[in-house]
Structures are given as C-alpha cells and as structure tokens.
C-alpha atoms as a PDB file:
ATOM      1  CA  UNK A   1       2.860 -66.735 171.110  1.00  0.00           C
ATOM      2  CA  UNK A   2       0.182 -64.261 170.011  1.00  0.00           C
ATOM      3  CA  UNK A   3      -3.191 -64.519 171.366  1.00  0.00           C
ATOM      4  CA  UNK A   4      -6.607 -63.609 169.746  1.00  0.00           C
ATOM      5  CA  UNK A   5      -9.974 -63.769 171.312  1.00  0.00           C
ATOM      6  CA  UNK A   6     -12.405 -65.695 168.938  1.00  0.00           C
ATOM      7  CA  UNK A   7     -14.393 -62.647 168.091  1.00  0.00           C
ATOM      8  CA  UNK A   8     -11.152 -60.566 167.345  1.00  0.00           C
ATOM      9  CA  UNK A   9      -9.908 -63.374 165.196  1.00  0.00           C
ATOM     10  CA  UNK A  10     -13.196 -63.618 163.250  1.00  0.00           C
ATOM     11  CA  UNK A  11     -13.347 -59.660 162.978  1.00  0.00           C
ATOM     12  CA  UNK A  12      -9.746 -59.478 161.806  1.00  0.00           C
ATOM     13  CA  UNK A  13      -9.144 -62.618 160.111  1.00  0.00           C
ATOM     14  CA  UNK A  14      -6.848 -61.393 157.592  1.00  0.00           C
ATOM     15  CA  UNK A  15      -4.495 -59.723 160.340  1.00  0.00           C
ATOM     16  CA  UNK A  16      -4.793 -63.133 162.300  1.00  0.00           C
ATOM     17  CA  UNK A  17      -3.572 -64.972 159.121  1.00  0.00           C
ATOM     18  CA  UNK A  18      -0.730 -62.739 158.631  1.00  0.00           C
ATOM     19  CA  UNK A  19       0.401 -63.134 162.339  1.00  0.00           C
ATOM     20  CA  UNK A  20       0.120 -66.935 162.033  1.00  0.00           C
ATOM     21  CA  UNK A  21       2.448 -66.636 159.099  1.00  0.00           C
ATOM     22  CA  UNK A  22       5.172 -65.232 161.340  1.00  0.00           C
ATOM     23  CA  UNK A  23       4.370 -67.490 164.565  1.00  0.00           C
ATOM     24  CA  UNK A  24       1.550 -69.894 165.870  1.00  0.00           C
ATOM     25  CA  UNK A  25      -1.465 -67.917 167.006  1.00  0.00           C
ATOM     26  CA  UNK A  26      -3.637 -69.085 170.133  1.00  0.00           C
ATOM     27  CA  UNK A  27      -7.366 -68.505 169.561  1.00  0.00           C
ATOM     28  CA  UNK A  28      -9.205 -68.138 172.848  1.00  0.00           C
ATOM     29  CA  UNK A  29     -13.039 -68.394 173.702  1.00  0.00           C
ATOM     30  CA  UNK A  30     -14.134 -67.055 177.063  1.00  0.00           C
ATOM     31  CA  UNK A  31     -10.479 -66.386 177.947  1.00  0.00           C
ATOM     32  CA  UNK A  32      -9.407 -70.393 177.313  1.00  0.00           C
ATOM     33  CA  UNK A  33      -7.290 -71.253 174.638  1.00  0.00           C
ATOM     34  CA  UNK A  34      -9.224 -73.626 172.278  1.00  0.00           C
ATOM     35  CA  UNK A  35      -7.254 -73.666 168.902  1.00  0.00           C
ATOM     36  CA  UNK A  36      -3.934 -72.882 167.371  1.00  0.00           C
ATOM     37  CA  UNK A  37      -3.369 -71.319 163.960  1.00  0.00           C
ATOM     38  CA  UNK A  38      -0.031 -71.751 162.174  1.00  0.00           C
ATOM     39  CA  UNK A  39       1.504 -71.368 158.957  1.00  0.00           C
ATOM     40  CA  UNK A  40       1.453 -74.167 156.198  1.00  0.00           C
ATOM     41  CA  UNK A  41       5.267 -74.344 156.438  1.00  0.00           C
ATOM     42  CA  UNK A  42       5.146 -75.048 160.356  1.00  0.00           C
ATOM     43  CA  UNK A  43       2.492 -77.579 159.906  1.00  0.00           C
ATOM     44  CA  UNK A  44       4.446 -79.349 157.018  1.00  0.00           C
ATOM     45  CA  UNK A  45       7.667 -79.392 159.380  1.00  0.00           C
ATOM     46  CA  UNK A  46       5.785 -80.760 162.321  1.00  0.00           C
ATOM     47  CA  UNK A  47       3.955 -83.578 160.151  1.00  0.00           C
ATOM     48  CA  UNK A  48       7.345 -84.453 158.632  1.00  0.00           C
ATOM     49  CA  UNK A  49       8.884 -84.674 162.161  1.00  0.00           C
ATOM     50  CA  UNK A  50       5.771 -86.894 163.233  1.00  0.00           C
ATOM     51  CA  UNK A  51       6.240 -89.188 160.067  1.00  0.00           C
ATOM     52  CA  UNK A  52       9.731 -89.764 160.977  1.00  0.00           C
ATOM     53  CA  UNK A  53       9.029 -90.746 164.443  1.00  0.00           C
ATOM     54  CA  UNK A  54       6.398 -93.177 163.569  1.00  0.00           C
ATOM     55  CA  UNK A  55       8.753 -94.663 160.780  1.00  0.00           C
ATOM     56  CA  UNK A  56      11.410 -95.060 163.371  1.00  0.00           C
ATOM     57  CA  UNK A  57       8.846 -96.881 165.806  1.00  0.00           C
ATOM     58  CA  UNK A  58       7.886 -99.113 163.170  1.00  0.00           C
ATOM     59  CA  UNK A  59      11.385 -99.987 162.147  1.00  0.00           C
ATOM     60  CA  UNK A  60      12.201-100.642 166.023  1.00  0.00           C
ATOM     61  CA  UNK A  61       8.944-102.815 166.363  1.00  0.00           C
ATOM     62  CA  UNK A  62       9.667-104.739 163.223  1.00  0.00           C
ATOM     63  CA  UNK A  63      13.203-105.646 164.341  1.00  0.00           C
ATOM     64  CA  UNK A  64      12.022-106.583 167.919  1.00  0.00           C
ATOM     65  CA  UNK A  65       9.648-109.486 166.892  1.00  0.00           C
ATOM     66  CA  UNK A  66       6.637-107.666 165.451  1.00  0.00           C
ATOM     67  CA  UNK A  67       4.456-110.472 164.100  1.00  0.00           C
ATOM     68  CA  UNK A  68       3.290-108.933 160.803  1.00  0.00           C
ATOM     69  CA  UNK A  69       0.143-109.428 158.849  1.00  0.00           C
ATOM     70  CA  UNK A  70       0.560-113.318 158.267  1.00  0.00           C
ATOM     71  CA  UNK A  71       1.644-114.298 161.492  1.00  0.00           C
ATOM     72  CA  UNK A  72      -1.004-112.129 163.217  1.00  0.00           C
ATOM     73  CA  UNK A  73      -3.805-113.750 161.058  1.00  0.00           C
ATOM     74  CA  UNK A  74      -2.444-117.299 161.922  1.00  0.00           C
ATOM     75  CA  UNK A  75      -2.294-116.587 165.606  1.00  0.00           C
ATOM     76  CA  UNK A  76      -5.664-114.919 165.664  1.00  0.00           C
ATOM     77  CA  UNK A  77      -7.291-117.798 163.726  1.00  0.00           C
ATOM     78  CA  UNK A  78      -5.832-120.313 166.055  1.00  0.00           C
ATOM     79  CA  UNK A  79      -7.020-118.429 169.113  1.00  0.00           C
ATOM     80  CA  UNK A  80     -10.509-118.220 167.654  1.00  0.00           C
ATOM     81  CA  UNK A  81     -10.396-121.891 166.759  1.00  0.00           C
ATOM     82  CA  UNK A  82      -9.424-122.681 170.371  1.00  0.00           C
ATOM     83  CA  UNK A  83     -12.668-121.066 171.741  1.00  0.00           C
ATOM     84  CA  UNK A  84     -14.924-123.258 169.819  1.00  0.00           C
END
C-alpha cells in the first residue's frame, strides 16, 4: 500500500488520487496512519460485501427466534407496566 504524508497528499492531490485508483493509499500525519483513500470501485465492492454480511446476519437472527417489531413492542409494554 502506498503511503503519503498529509502535506505531500495535499500538495500533490491529483497524483495521490491517481495512485488511489490503482490501490488504496494511506495518509500519514506526523508519521502515523490517519486515513485511507481508495477508488470508488473498491469502496462499492467493500460496501456490497458488508451489506451481504449484514443481510446474512439478519436472516440468521430472524430464523433463530428474533422477536420482530410487534413482539418487541408487546414485551417492552409488558415490562414497563410491571414496573408501575
């Protein structure tokens, strides 16, 4: 992964963007990594992977006894009534 100092990234922004289209670029400030710049295509691919992961988790939770909105409201109402 290519690295740019923050000042270098600022002064050669176009070059940094061109580099980020090929591979993610780490931006460093005072020698510490603080950000990553990546291509839109890489970002969209990662977002799709994350969306698929959450969708799979939701299916698993729903099939494993997830209460759902209506049951959750009834249970919460019952618990709140019991405290009075």
